[in-house]
Amino acid sequence: LIRQLHQYVASDRLQPSTLFCTLDIVDLYTMLPQEESIDVLCEFLIEHGYRKIDGIPLDAIRKLACRVLTENVFVYGEKIYRQTLGGAMGSPFTLTLANIFMWKWQKEFSSRLINNNEIYGRYIDDVFFTANQSKETIEKLLIEANNFHSNIKLTATIGKSINFLDVHIENNDGVLSTSVHYKESAEPYVVPFKSDHPRHTFGNIIRGGLTRAVRYSSSIKAFDDERRNIRLTLLYNRYPSKFIDAHFRKFFSNYHVITSDVLPLITSEQEFFRMRVKILDIPTAKQSQTSQQIARVIPDNDDNENIIIQPTEEQSLVEKAKLFDFRNHTELTFGD
């Protein structure tokens, strides 16, 4: 998202009047229509050229998906109930199915944004997009979106200053400002230093927190605020001050950043932005892992089916709208 916003600014699309909008899908996992969701799953696989996965034909996948989705039971008040809407909370399959179901829903929604050349992205049931239209026009679009499907209802936030997942985004008269965001319910806990974890775990926590701080902070002040927050969180979890300072210095030295002789902090704004450019160009561990997983999934189709995979309408839509997938979003390390 941060990279996309930078490109958005570089192409002069961020105006003083530009609005940001976030959408939250209400109770997505428990509102999935079961039969329709399985239909969408099959449509998704066919549209992306799959007839088999790991040797399992599409018909078998459909039957297995139906069994997993429709055979969930639970006990309440000495009675046994079967779930007839949505999927089991916490189930990996429910998460995947919800994501695919939203793929179908967002086809229509994102197409409304193509001509506006705006950013659109989704992380499961959280949506973000930019708009250079009036708030009234956006609200009208959202009213229409609430009628796309009877089970998909949205709650929206529209403004020049919003929070999306763990990042705060602000439009200050055409100047983009971003920083780390914590939910009100966030607790200042990380893996305690006294816990029985491998030694490198504690250093990785510090590195992960600082990396996120650099990525998200559009100014050295925002970074400094988050650096102090990270330090306080670590101290609260019994990390020794010398250990924290040593790993702070190690992190900065990896990017050849000169720090203060007294404390491991950056005093040069130029040094900070040079480091930030380097870090933004490096894929996160989660992004690399996801790319490798996608690369390993190859359509398992019989040669005699003579399937020719052409660019689909959805792929063209993605190209036109420059959609991006928030599944590669940086994993939260502190507080969320």
C-alpha atoms as a PDB file:
ATOM      1  CA  LEU A   1       0.000   0.000   0.000  1.00  0.00           C
ATOM      2  CA  ILE A   2       2.787   2.448   0.877  1.00  0.00           C
ATOM      3  CA  ARG A   3       4.482   1.817  -2.483  1.00  0.00           C
ATOM      4  CA  GLN A   4       1.197   2.290  -4.328  1.00  0.00           C
ATOM      5  CA  LEU A   5       0.568   5.562  -2.522  1.00  0.00           C
ATOM      6  CA  HIS A   6       4.039   6.803  -3.457  1.00  0.00           C
ATOM      7  CA  GLN A   7       3.357   6.013  -7.113  1.00  0.00           C
ATOM      8  CA  TYR A   8       0.007   7.739  -6.784  1.00  0.00           C
ATOM      9  CA  VAL A   9       1.741  10.888  -5.523  1.00  0.00           C
ATOM     10  CA  ALA A  10       4.495  10.683  -8.150  1.00  0.00           C
ATOM     11  CA  SER A  11       1.902  10.625 -10.936  1.00  0.00           C
ATOM     12  CA  ASP A  12       0.277  13.814  -9.570  1.00  0.00           C
ATOM     13  CA  ARG A  13      -2.990  12.066  -8.748  1.00  0.00           C
ATOM     14  CA  LEU A  14      -2.993  13.140  -5.112  1.00  0.00           C
ATOM     15  CA  GLN A  15      -4.823  16.454  -4.990  1.00  0.00           C
ATOM     16  CA  PRO A  16      -5.637  18.669  -1.983  1.00  0.00           C
ATOM     17  CA  SER A  17      -9.228  17.425  -2.313  1.00  0.00           C
ATOM     18  CA  THR A  18      -8.396  13.706  -2.674  1.00  0.00           C
ATOM     19  CA  LEU A  19     -10.313  11.509  -0.247  1.00  0.00           C
ATOM     20  CA  PHE A  20      -9.393   8.147   1.222  1.00  0.00           C
ATOM     21  CA  CYS A  21     -12.015   5.526   1.912  1.00  0.00           C
ATOM     22  CA  THR A  22     -11.945   2.303   3.907  1.00  0.00           C
ATOM     23  CA  LEU A  23     -14.658  -0.335   3.895  1.00  0.00           C
ATOM     24  CA  ASP A  24     -15.252  -3.146   6.323  1.00  0.00           C
ATOM     25  CA  ILE A  25     -17.402  -6.105   5.307  1.00  0.00           C
ATOM     26  CA  VAL A  26     -19.828  -6.861   8.129  1.00  0.00           C
ATOM     27  CA  ASP A  27     -19.535 -10.432   9.493  1.00  0.00           C
ATOM     28  CA  LEU A  28     -18.127 -11.774   6.229  1.00  0.00           C
ATOM     29  CA  TYR A  29     -17.241 -15.285   7.414  1.00  0.00           C
ATOM     30  CA  THR A  30     -20.644 -16.001   8.916  1.00  0.00           C
ATOM     31  CA  MET A  31     -22.624 -14.389   6.075  1.00  0.00           C
ATOM     32  CA  LEU A  32     -21.248 -16.403   3.154  1.00  0.00           C
ATOM     33  CA  PRO A  33     -24.085 -18.080   1.217  1.00  0.00           C
ATOM     34  CA  GLN A  34     -22.848 -21.658   1.162  1.00  0.00           C
ATOM     35  CA  GLU A  35     -24.005 -22.950  -2.228  1.00  0.00           C
ATOM     36  CA  GLU A  36     -23.233 -19.699  -4.020  1.00  0.00           C
ATOM     37  CA  SER A  37     -19.775 -19.555  -2.418  1.00  0.00           C
ATOM     38  CA  ILE A  38     -18.946 -22.992  -3.802  1.00  0.00           C
ATOM     39  CA  ASP A  39     -20.177 -21.878  -7.236  1.00  0.00           C
ATOM     40  CA  VAL A  40     -17.859 -18.863  -7.026  1.00  0.00           C
ATOM     41  CA  LEU A  41     -14.975 -21.131  -5.980  1.00  0.00           C
ATOM     42  CA  CYS A  42     -15.426 -23.242  -9.112  1.00  0.00           C
ATOM     43  CA  GLU A  43     -15.811 -20.142 -11.270  1.00  0.00           C
ATOM     44  CA  PHE A  44     -12.583 -18.757  -9.824  1.00  0.00           C
ATOM     45  CA  LEU A  45     -10.639 -21.944 -10.585  1.00  0.00           C
ATOM     46  CA  ILE A  46     -11.992 -22.222 -14.135  1.00  0.00           C
ATOM     47  CA  GLU A  47     -11.344 -18.562 -14.899  1.00  0.00           C
ATOM     48  CA  HIS A  48      -7.724 -18.939 -13.816  1.00  0.00           C
ATOM     49  CA  GLY A  49      -7.169 -22.053 -15.912  1.00  0.00           C
ATOM     50  CA  TYR A  50      -7.517 -24.801 -13.309  1.00  0.00           C
ATOM     51  CA  ARG A  51      -9.232 -28.114 -14.043  1.00  0.00           C
ATOM     52  CA  LYS A  52      -7.308 -30.081 -11.435  1.00  0.00           C
ATOM     53  CA  ILE A  53      -5.238 -29.208  -8.377  1.00  0.00           C
ATOM     54  CA  ASP A  54      -2.661 -31.766  -7.234  1.00  0.00           C
ATOM     55  CA  GLY A  55      -4.461 -34.342  -9.350  1.00  0.00           C
ATOM     56  CA  ILE A  56      -7.867 -33.647  -7.787  1.00  0.00           C
ATOM     57  CA  PRO A  57     -10.488 -32.836 -10.452  1.00  0.00           C
ATOM     58  CA  LEU A  58     -12.761 -29.842 -10.128  1.00  0.00           C
ATOM     59  CA  ASP A  59     -15.859 -31.956  -9.481  1.00  0.00           C
ATOM     60  CA  ALA A  60     -14.181 -33.646  -6.515  1.00  0.00           C
ATOM     61  CA  ILE A  61     -13.020 -30.279  -5.189  1.00  0.00           C
ATOM     62  CA  ARG A  62     -16.595 -29.048  -5.346  1.00  0.00           C
ATOM     63  CA  LYS A  63     -17.912 -32.068  -3.434  1.00  0.00           C
ATOM     64  CA  LEU A  64     -15.184 -31.811  -0.792  1.00  0.00           C
ATOM     65  CA  ALA A  65     -15.796 -28.075  -0.382  1.00  0.00           C
ATOM     66  CA  CYS A  66     -19.509 -28.724   0.009  1.00  0.00           C
ATOM     67  CA  ARG A  67     -18.854 -31.345   2.684  1.00  0.00           C
ATOM     68  CA  VAL A  68     -16.516 -29.068   4.654  1.00  0.00           C
ATOM     69  CA  LEU A  69     -18.836 -26.071   4.441  1.00  0.00           C
ATOM     70  CA  THR A  70     -22.221 -27.677   5.079  1.00  0.00           C
ATOM     71  CA  GLU A  71     -21.360 -30.251   7.748  1.00  0.00           C
ATOM     72  CA  ASN A  72     -20.420 -27.870  10.562  1.00  0.00           C
ATOM     73  CA  VAL A  73     -22.375 -28.551  13.745  1.00  0.00           C
ATOM     74  CA  PHE A  74     -22.276 -27.089  17.236  1.00  0.00           C
ATOM     75  CA  VAL A  75     -24.013 -27.619  20.552  1.00  0.00           C
ATOM     76  CA  TYR A  76     -25.922 -24.886  22.361  1.00  0.00           C
ATOM     77  CA  GLY A  77     -28.408 -25.298  25.179  1.00  0.00           C
ATOM     78  CA  GLU A  78     -28.252 -29.099  24.940  1.00  0.00           C
ATOM     79  CA  LYS A  79     -29.315 -28.935  21.300  1.00  0.00           C
ATOM     80  CA  ILE A  80     -27.282 -29.738  18.190  1.00  0.00           C
ATOM     81  CA  TYR A  81     -27.336 -27.172  15.402  1.00  0.00           C
ATOM     82  CA  ARG A  82     -26.008 -27.322  11.848  1.00  0.00           C
ATOM     83  CA  GLN A  83     -24.575 -24.167  10.287  1.00  0.00           C
ATOM     84  CA  THR A  84     -26.551 -23.221   7.177  1.00  0.00           C
ATOM     85  CA  LEU A  85     -24.978 -19.821   6.491  1.00  0.00           C
ATOM     86  CA  GLY A  86     -21.294 -18.994   6.372  1.00  0.00           C
ATOM     87  CA  GLY A  87     -18.395 -21.172   7.444  1.00  0.00           C
ATOM     88  CA  ALA A  88     -16.671 -22.175  10.644  1.00  0.00           C
ATOM     89  CA  MET A  89     -14.756 -19.303  12.230  1.00  0.00           C
ATOM     90  CA  GLY A  90     -11.027 -19.993  12.373  1.00  0.00           C
ATOM     91  CA  SER A  91     -11.141 -22.541   9.571  1.00  0.00           C
ATOM     92  CA  PRO A  92      -8.423 -22.028   6.916  1.00  0.00           C
ATOM     93  CA  PHE A  93     -10.944 -23.083   4.280  1.00  0.00           C
ATOM     94  CA  THR A  94     -13.459 -20.448   5.394  1.00  0.00           C
ATOM     95  CA  LEU A  95     -10.766 -17.777   5.116  1.00  0.00           C
ATOM     96  CA  THR A  96      -9.811 -18.893   1.600  1.00  0.00           C
ATOM     97  CA  LEU A  97     -13.419 -19.202   0.482  1.00  0.00           C
ATOM     98  CA  ALA A  98     -14.284 -15.749   1.845  1.00  0.00           C
ATOM     99  CA  ASN A  99     -11.354 -14.282  -0.072  1.00  0.00           C
ATOM    100  CA  ILE A 100     -12.501 -15.925  -3.304  1.00  0.00           C
ATOM    101  CA  PHE A 101     -16.113 -14.875  -2.745  1.00  0.00           C
ATOM    102  CA  MET A 102     -14.944 -11.269  -2.347  1.00  0.00           C
ATOM    103  CA  TRP A 103     -12.983 -11.647  -5.609  1.00  0.00           C
ATOM    104  CA  LYS A 104     -16.334 -12.081  -7.320  1.00  0.00           C
ATOM    105  CA  TRP A 105     -17.912  -9.160  -5.457  1.00  0.00           C
ATOM    106  CA  GLN A 106     -15.054  -6.758  -6.097  1.00  0.00           C
ATOM    107  CA  LYS A 107     -15.197  -7.310  -9.866  1.00  0.00           C
ATOM    108  CA  GLU A 108     -18.224  -5.075 -10.051  1.00  0.00           C
ATOM    109  CA  PHE A 109     -17.098  -2.645  -7.372  1.00  0.00           C
ATOM    110  CA  SER A 110     -13.552  -2.070  -8.643  1.00  0.00           C
ATOM    111  CA  SER A 111     -14.795  -1.590 -12.205  1.00  0.00           C
ATOM    112  CA  ARG A 112     -16.486   1.613 -11.024  1.00  0.00           C
ATOM    113  CA  LEU A 113     -13.045   3.020 -10.144  1.00  0.00           C
ATOM    114  CA  ILE A 114     -11.203   2.222 -13.390  1.00  0.00           C
ATOM    115  CA  ASN A 115     -11.985   5.438 -15.233  1.00  0.00           C
ATOM    116  CA  ASN A 116     -10.893   7.438 -12.215  1.00  0.00           C
ATOM    117  CA  ASN A 117      -7.426   5.846 -12.262  1.00  0.00           C
ATOM    118  CA  GLU A 118      -7.520   5.399  -8.508  1.00  0.00           C
ATOM    119  CA  ILE A 119      -5.941   2.968  -6.057  1.00  0.00           C
ATOM    120  CA  TYR A 120      -8.061   0.040  -4.973  1.00  0.00           C
ATOM    121  CA  GLY A 121      -6.977  -2.781  -2.681  1.00  0.00           C
ATOM    122  CA  ARG A 122      -8.449  -5.383  -0.377  1.00  0.00           C
ATOM    123  CA  TYR A 123      -7.163  -7.438   2.539  1.00  0.00           C
ATOM    124  CA  ILE A 124      -9.810 -10.155   3.041  1.00  0.00           C
ATOM    125  CA  ASP A 125     -12.744  -8.109   4.407  1.00  0.00           C
ATOM    126  CA  ASP A 126     -11.030  -4.710   4.589  1.00  0.00           C
ATOM    127  CA  VAL A 127     -11.030  -2.469   1.511  1.00  0.00           C
ATOM    128  CA  PHE A 128      -9.101   0.721   0.765  1.00  0.00           C
ATOM    129  CA  PHE A 129      -9.418   3.073  -2.177  1.00  0.00           C
ATOM    130  CA  THR A 130      -8.692   6.653  -3.160  1.00  0.00           C
ATOM    131  CA  ALA A 131     -11.139   9.034  -4.816  1.00  0.00           C
ATOM    132  CA  ASN A 132     -10.965  12.415  -6.491  1.00  0.00           C
ATOM    133  CA  GLN A 133     -14.702  12.861  -6.331  1.00  0.00           C
ATOM    134  CA  SER A 134     -17.034  14.534  -3.891  1.00  0.00           C
ATOM    135  CA  LYS A 135     -17.959  12.779  -0.682  1.00  0.00           C
ATOM    136  CA  GLU A 136     -21.568  12.686  -1.855  1.00  0.00           C
ATOM    137  CA  THR A 137     -20.559  10.823  -5.041  1.00  0.00           C
ATOM    138  CA  ILE A 138     -18.600   8.263  -3.027  1.00  0.00           C
ATOM    139  CA  GLU A 139     -21.484   7.758  -0.629  1.00  0.00           C
ATOM    140  CA  LYS A 140     -23.791   7.146  -3.585  1.00  0.00           C
ATOM    141  CA  LEU A 141     -21.356   4.527  -4.913  1.00  0.00           C
ATOM    142  CA  LEU A 142     -21.288   2.829  -1.518  1.00  0.00           C
ATOM    143  CA  ILE A 143     -25.083   2.753  -1.359  1.00  0.00           C
ATOM    144  CA  GLU A 144     -25.043   0.960  -4.708  1.00  0.00           C
ATOM    145  CA  ALA A 145     -22.291  -1.389  -3.479  1.00  0.00           C
ATOM    146  CA  ASN A 146     -24.420  -2.314  -0.487  1.00  0.00           C
ATOM    147  CA  ASN A 147     -27.002  -3.607  -2.954  1.00  0.00           C
ATOM    148  CA  PHE A 148     -24.607  -5.748  -5.006  1.00  0.00           C
ATOM    149  CA  HIS A 149     -25.328  -8.736  -2.775  1.00  0.00           C
ATOM    150  CA  SER A 150     -27.847  -9.171   0.017  1.00  0.00           C
ATOM    151  CA  ASN A 151     -25.256 -10.807   2.300  1.00  0.00           C
ATOM    152  CA  ILE A 152     -22.437  -8.300   1.749  1.00  0.00           C
ATOM    153  CA  LYS A 153     -22.960  -5.153   3.790  1.00  0.00           C
ATOM    154  CA  LEU A 154     -20.387  -2.421   4.253  1.00  0.00           C
ATOM    155  CA  THR A 155     -19.404   0.048   6.916  1.00  0.00           C
ATOM    156  CA  ALA A 156     -17.367   2.921   5.496  1.00  0.00           C
ATOM    157  CA  THR A 157     -15.008   5.662   6.608  1.00  0.00           C
ATOM    158  CA  ILE A 158     -14.380   8.537   4.201  1.00  0.00           C
ATOM    159  CA  GLY A 159     -11.999  11.428   4.756  1.00  0.00           C
ATOM    160  CA  LYS A 160      -8.587  12.952   4.265  1.00  0.00           C
ATOM    161  CA  SER A 161      -7.279  11.235   7.381  1.00  0.00           C
ATOM    162  CA  ILE A 162      -8.015   7.541   7.934  1.00  0.00           C
ATOM    163  CA  ASN A 163      -6.597   4.361   9.426  1.00  0.00           C
ATOM    164  CA  PHE A 164      -6.285   1.191   7.383  1.00  0.00           C
ATOM    165  CA  LEU A 165      -5.080  -1.938   9.174  1.00  0.00           C
ATOM    166  CA  ASP A 166      -1.903  -0.779  10.948  1.00  0.00           C
ATOM    167  CA  VAL A 167      -1.139   2.358   8.931  1.00  0.00           C
ATOM    168  CA  HIS A 168      -2.414   5.915   9.367  1.00  0.00           C
ATOM    169  CA  ILE A 169      -2.847   7.798   6.068  1.00  0.00           C
ATOM    170  CA  GLU A 170      -3.390  11.524   5.763  1.00  0.00           C
ATOM    171  CA  ASN A 171      -3.768  14.043   2.948  1.00  0.00           C
ATOM    172  CA  ASN A 172      -2.457  17.406   4.140  1.00  0.00           C
ATOM    173  CA  ASP A 173      -3.460  19.748   1.307  1.00  0.00           C
ATOM    174  CA  GLY A 174      -1.987  17.445  -1.319  1.00  0.00           C
ATOM    175  CA  VAL A 175       0.948  16.222   0.782  1.00  0.00           C
ATOM    176  CA  LEU A 176       0.874  12.541   1.756  1.00  0.00           C
ATOM    177  CA  SER A 177       1.575  11.670   5.369  1.00  0.00           C
ATOM    178  CA  THR A 178       1.753   8.119   6.743  1.00  0.00           C
ATOM    179  CA  SER A 179       2.656   6.586  10.089  1.00  0.00           C
ATOM    180  CA  VAL A 180       2.133   3.462  12.185  1.00  0.00           C
ATOM    181  CA  HIS A 181      -1.363   3.085  13.613  1.00  0.00           C
ATOM    182  CA  TYR A 182      -2.433   1.158  16.712  1.00  0.00           C
ATOM    183  CA  LYS A 183      -5.988   0.193  17.503  1.00  0.00           C
ATOM    184  CA  GLU A 184      -7.412   1.428  20.784  1.00  0.00           C
ATOM    185  CA  SER A 185      -7.519  -2.154  22.031  1.00  0.00           C
ATOM    186  CA  ALA A 186      -3.813  -2.730  21.296  1.00  0.00           C
ATOM    187  CA  GLU A 187      -1.741  -3.959  24.232  1.00  0.00           C
ATOM    188  CA  PRO A 188       2.001  -3.197  24.635  1.00  0.00           C
ATOM    189  CA  TYR A 189       3.073  -6.823  24.542  1.00  0.00           C
ATOM    190  CA  VAL A 190       5.689  -8.700  22.539  1.00  0.00           C
ATOM    191  CA  VAL A 191       7.506 -11.956  23.305  1.00  0.00           C
ATOM    192  CA  PRO A 192       8.903 -11.378  26.833  1.00  0.00           C
ATOM    193  CA  PHE A 193      12.669 -11.306  27.078  1.00  0.00           C
ATOM    194  CA  LYS A 194      12.563 -13.883  29.880  1.00  0.00           C
ATOM    195  CA  SER A 195      10.626 -16.372  27.741  1.00  0.00           C
ATOM    196  CA  ASP A 196      12.203 -19.620  26.599  1.00  0.00           C
ATOM    197  CA  HIS A 197      12.661 -18.664  22.944  1.00  0.00           C
ATOM    198  CA  PRO A 198      15.780 -18.906  20.770  1.00  0.00           C
ATOM    199  CA  ARG A 199      18.008 -15.878  21.232  1.00  0.00           C
ATOM    200  CA  HIS A 200      17.557 -14.646  17.664  1.00  0.00           C
ATOM    201  CA  THR A 201      13.799 -14.278  18.232  1.00  0.00           C
ATOM    202  CA  PHE A 202      14.272 -11.176  20.368  1.00  0.00           C
ATOM    203  CA  GLY A 203      16.528  -9.511  17.827  1.00  0.00           C
ATOM    204  CA  ASN A 204      14.070 -10.323  15.041  1.00  0.00           C
ATOM    205  CA  ILE A 205      11.265  -8.632  16.971  1.00  0.00           C
ATOM    206  CA  ILE A 206      13.296  -5.438  17.202  1.00  0.00           C
ATOM    207  CA  ARG A 207      14.289  -5.575  13.543  1.00  0.00           C
ATOM    208  CA  GLY A 208      10.697  -6.217  12.467  1.00  0.00           C
ATOM    209  CA  GLY A 209       9.373  -3.303  14.488  1.00  0.00           C
ATOM    210  CA  LEU A 210      11.987  -0.876  13.172  1.00  0.00           C
ATOM    211  CA  THR A 211      11.478  -2.049   9.588  1.00  0.00           C
ATOM    212  CA  ARG A 212       7.761  -1.402   9.824  1.00  0.00           C
ATOM    213  CA  ALA A 213       8.418   1.990  11.420  1.00  0.00           C
ATOM    214  CA  VAL A 214      10.693   3.027   8.546  1.00  0.00           C
ATOM    215  CA  ARG A 215       8.286   1.742   5.884  1.00  0.00           C
ATOM    216  CA  TYR A 216       5.258   3.497   7.316  1.00  0.00           C
ATOM    217  CA  SER A 217       6.794   6.767   8.512  1.00  0.00           C
ATOM    218  CA  SER A 218       6.715   9.523   5.911  1.00  0.00           C
ATOM    219  CA  SER A 219       8.760  11.853   8.127  1.00  0.00           C
ATOM    220  CA  ILE A 220      11.650  11.491  10.519  1.00  0.00           C
ATOM    221  CA  LYS A 221       9.396  12.800  13.303  1.00  0.00           C
ATOM    222  CA  ALA A 222       6.848  10.024  12.716  1.00  0.00           C
ATOM    223  CA  PHE A 223       9.680   7.494  12.734  1.00  0.00           C
ATOM    224  CA  ASP A 224      11.154   8.924  15.923  1.00  0.00           C
ATOM    225  CA  ASP A 225       7.773   8.709  17.650  1.00  0.00           C
ATOM    226  CA  GLU A 226       7.436   5.057  16.662  1.00  0.00           C
ATOM    227  CA  ARG A 227      11.061   4.317  17.594  1.00  0.00           C
ATOM    228  CA  ARG A 228      10.359   5.604  21.108  1.00  0.00           C
ATOM    229  CA  ASN A 229       7.166   3.554  21.246  1.00  0.00           C
ATOM    230  CA  ILE A 230       9.076   0.423  20.237  1.00  0.00           C
ATOM    231  CA  ARG A 231      11.702   1.071  22.885  1.00  0.00           C
ATOM    232  CA  LEU A 232       9.108   1.591  25.626  1.00  0.00           C
ATOM    233  CA  THR A 233       7.279  -1.577  24.573  1.00  0.00           C
ATOM    234  CA  LEU A 234      10.509  -3.563  24.741  1.00  0.00           C
ATOM    235  CA  LEU A 235      11.425  -2.148  28.143  1.00  0.00           C
ATOM    236  CA  TYR A 236       7.933  -2.996  29.394  1.00  0.00           C
ATOM    237  CA  ASN A 237       8.567  -6.591  28.314  1.00  0.00           C
ATOM    238  CA  ARG A 238      11.853  -6.690  30.265  1.00  0.00           C
ATOM    239  CA  TYR A 239      14.277  -6.254  27.368  1.00  0.00           C
ATOM    240  CA  PRO A 240      17.584  -4.886  28.745  1.00  0.00           C
ATOM    241  CA  SER A 241      18.373  -1.348  27.646  1.00  0.00           C
ATOM    242  CA  LYS A 242      21.833  -2.351  26.405  1.00  0.00           C
ATOM    243  CA  PHE A 243      20.320  -5.173  24.344  1.00  0.00           C
ATOM    244  CA  ILE A 244      17.829  -2.771  22.751  1.00  0.00           C
ATOM    245  CA  ASP A 245      20.507  -0.183  21.956  1.00  0.00           C
ATOM    246  CA  ALA A 246      22.814  -2.807  20.461  1.00  0.00           C
ATOM    247  CA  HIS A 247      20.121  -4.078  18.103  1.00  0.00           C
ATOM    248  CA  PHE A 248      19.010  -0.568  17.197  1.00  0.00           C
ATOM    249  CA  ARG A 249      22.605   0.249  16.203  1.00  0.00           C
ATOM    250  CA  LYS A 250      22.908  -3.026  14.301  1.00  0.00           C
ATOM    251  CA  PHE A 251      19.729  -2.253  12.356  1.00  0.00           C
ATOM    252  CA  PHE A 252      20.910   1.225  11.366  1.00  0.00           C
ATOM    253  CA  SER A 253      24.416   0.034  10.506  1.00  0.00           C
ATOM    254  CA  ASN A 254      22.955  -2.519   8.066  1.00  0.00           C
ATOM    255  CA  TYR A 255      21.805   0.450   5.985  1.00  0.00           C
ATOM    256  CA  HIS A 256      24.989   2.462   6.610  1.00  0.00           C
ATOM    257  CA  VAL A 257      23.117   5.063   8.616  1.00  0.00           C
ATOM    258  CA  ILE A 258      25.124   7.260  10.964  1.00  0.00           C
ATOM    259  CA  THR A 259      23.564   7.488  14.416  1.00  0.00           C
ATOM    260  CA  SER A 260      24.184   9.658  17.450  1.00  0.00           C
ATOM    261  CA  ASP A 261      27.263   8.850  19.520  1.00  0.00           C
ATOM    262  CA  VAL A 262      25.182   8.811  22.686  1.00  0.00           C
ATOM    263  CA  LEU A 263      21.931   7.122  21.638  1.00  0.00           C
ATOM    264  CA  PRO A 264      21.043   4.877  18.660  1.00  0.00           C
ATOM    265  CA  LEU A 265      18.869   7.408  16.864  1.00  0.00           C
ATOM    266  CA  ILE A 266      18.947   9.165  13.500  1.00  0.00           C
ATOM    267  CA  THR A 267      19.587  12.897  13.519  1.00  0.00           C
ATOM    268  CA  SER A 268      19.794  13.459   9.764  1.00  0.00           C
ATOM    269  CA  GLU A 269      16.560  13.624   7.783  1.00  0.00           C
ATOM    270  CA  GLN A 270      18.518  12.903   4.606  1.00  0.00           C
ATOM    271  CA  GLU A 271      19.944   9.716   6.151  1.00  0.00           C
ATOM    272  CA  PHE A 272      16.463   8.597   7.169  1.00  0.00           C
ATOM    273  CA  PHE A 273      14.961   9.035   3.701  1.00  0.00           C
ATOM    274  CA  ARG A 274      17.919   7.276   2.089  1.00  0.00           C
ATOM    275  CA  MET A 275      17.359   4.303   4.395  1.00  0.00           C
ATOM    276  CA  ARG A 276      13.605   4.383   3.762  1.00  0.00           C
ATOM    277  CA  VAL A 277      14.051   4.193  -0.018  1.00  0.00           C
ATOM    278  CA  LYS A 278      16.214   1.089   0.424  1.00  0.00           C
ATOM    279  CA  ILE A 279      13.750  -0.626   2.759  1.00  0.00           C
ATOM    280  CA  LEU A 280      10.709   0.145   0.601  1.00  0.00           C
ATOM    281  CA  ASP A 281      12.445  -1.550  -2.332  1.00  0.00           C
ATOM    282  CA  ILE A 282      12.924  -4.783  -0.356  1.00  0.00           C
ATOM    283  CA  PRO A 283       9.987  -7.251  -0.378  1.00  0.00           C
ATOM    284  CA  THR A 284       8.822  -8.245   3.076  1.00  0.00           C
ATOM    285  CA  ALA A 285       9.318 -11.824   4.254  1.00  0.00           C
ATOM    286  CA  LYS A 286       5.580 -12.412   3.883  1.00  0.00           C
ATOM    287  CA  GLN A 287       5.585 -11.055   0.335  1.00  0.00           C
ATOM    288  CA  SER A 288       8.465 -13.332  -0.647  1.00  0.00           C
ATOM    289  CA  GLN A 289       6.779 -16.330   0.967  1.00  0.00           C
ATOM    290  CA  THR A 290       3.482 -15.627  -0.802  1.00  0.00           C
ATOM    291  CA  SER A 291       5.226 -15.219  -4.174  1.00  0.00           C
ATOM    292  CA  GLN A 292       6.954 -18.570  -3.726  1.00  0.00           C
ATOM    293  CA  GLN A 293       3.673 -20.261  -2.801  1.00  0.00           C
ATOM    294  CA  ILE A 294       1.954 -18.824  -5.879  1.00  0.00           C
ATOM    295  CA  ALA A 295       4.844 -19.916  -8.096  1.00  0.00           C
ATOM    296  CA  ARG A 296       4.536 -23.494  -6.837  1.00  0.00           C
ATOM    297  CA  VAL A 297       0.831 -23.732  -7.706  1.00  0.00           C
ATOM    298  CA  ILE A 298       0.651 -24.850 -11.333  1.00  0.00           C
ATOM    299  CA  PRO A 299      -2.617 -25.803 -13.037  1.00  0.00           C
ATOM    300  CA  ASP A 300      -2.738 -29.601 -13.148  1.00  0.00           C
ATOM    301  CA  ASN A 301      -4.634 -30.107 -16.407  1.00  0.00           C
ATOM    302  CA  ASP A 302      -4.544 -33.101 -18.719  1.00  0.00           C
ATOM    303  CA  ASP A 303      -2.694 -32.469 -21.960  1.00  0.00           C
ATOM    304  CA  ASN A 304      -5.567 -33.927 -23.986  1.00  0.00           C
ATOM    305  CA  GLU A 305      -7.931 -31.273 -22.696  1.00  0.00           C
ATOM    306  CA  ASN A 306      -6.214 -28.776 -25.016  1.00  0.00           C
ATOM    307  CA  ILE A 307      -6.895 -25.926 -22.632  1.00  0.00           C
ATOM    308  CA  ILE A 308      -5.556 -22.615 -23.889  1.00  0.00           C
ATOM    309  CA  ILE A 309      -5.330 -20.095 -21.081  1.00  0.00           C
ATOM    310  CA  GLN A 310      -6.027 -16.643 -22.449  1.00  0.00           C
ATOM    311  CA  PRO A 311      -5.887 -13.406 -20.446  1.00  0.00           C
ATOM    312  CA  THR A 312      -9.213 -13.352 -18.660  1.00  0.00           C
ATOM    313  CA  GLU A 313     -11.557 -10.455 -18.136  1.00  0.00           C
ATOM    314  CA  GLU A 314     -10.506 -10.352 -14.493  1.00  0.00           C
ATOM    315  CA  GLN A 315      -6.822 -10.261 -15.393  1.00  0.00           C
ATOM    316  CA  SER A 316      -7.496  -7.418 -17.807  1.00  0.00           C
ATOM    317  CA  LEU A 317      -9.472  -5.659 -15.112  1.00  0.00           C
ATOM    318  CA  VAL A 318      -6.593  -5.999 -12.698  1.00  0.00           C
ATOM    319  CA  GLU A 319      -4.194  -4.577 -15.261  1.00  0.00           C
ATOM    320  CA  LYS A 320      -6.433  -1.628 -16.079  1.00  0.00           C
ATOM    321  CA  ALA A 321      -7.301  -0.711 -12.526  1.00  0.00           C
ATOM    322  CA  LYS A 322      -3.802  -1.505 -11.230  1.00  0.00           C
ATOM    323  CA  LEU A 323      -5.334  -3.495  -8.421  1.00  0.00           C
ATOM    324  CA  PHE A 324      -3.090  -4.792  -5.710  1.00  0.00           C
ATOM    325  CA  ASP A 325      -3.594  -7.511  -3.136  1.00  0.00           C
ATOM    326  CA  PHE A 326      -3.184  -6.718   0.547  1.00  0.00           C
ATOM    327  CA  ARG A 327      -2.511 -10.382   1.341  1.00  0.00           C
ATOM    328  CA  ASN A 328       1.160  -9.376   1.135  1.00  0.00           C
ATOM    329  CA  HIS A 329       0.642  -6.754   3.811  1.00  0.00           C
ATOM    330  CA  THR A 330       3.455  -6.577   6.372  1.00  0.00           C
ATOM    331  CA  GLU A 331       2.695  -8.761   9.355  1.00  0.00           C
ATOM    332  CA  LEU A 332       2.149  -6.834  12.550  1.00  0.00           C
ATOM    333  CA  THR A 333       4.919  -7.088  15.082  1.00  0.00           C
ATOM    334  CA  PHE A 334       3.916  -4.625  17.748  1.00  0.00           C
ATOM    335  CA  GLY A 335       0.625  -4.138  19.473  1.00  0.00           C
ATOM    336  CA  ASP A 336      -1.965  -5.193  16.884  1.00  0.00           C
END
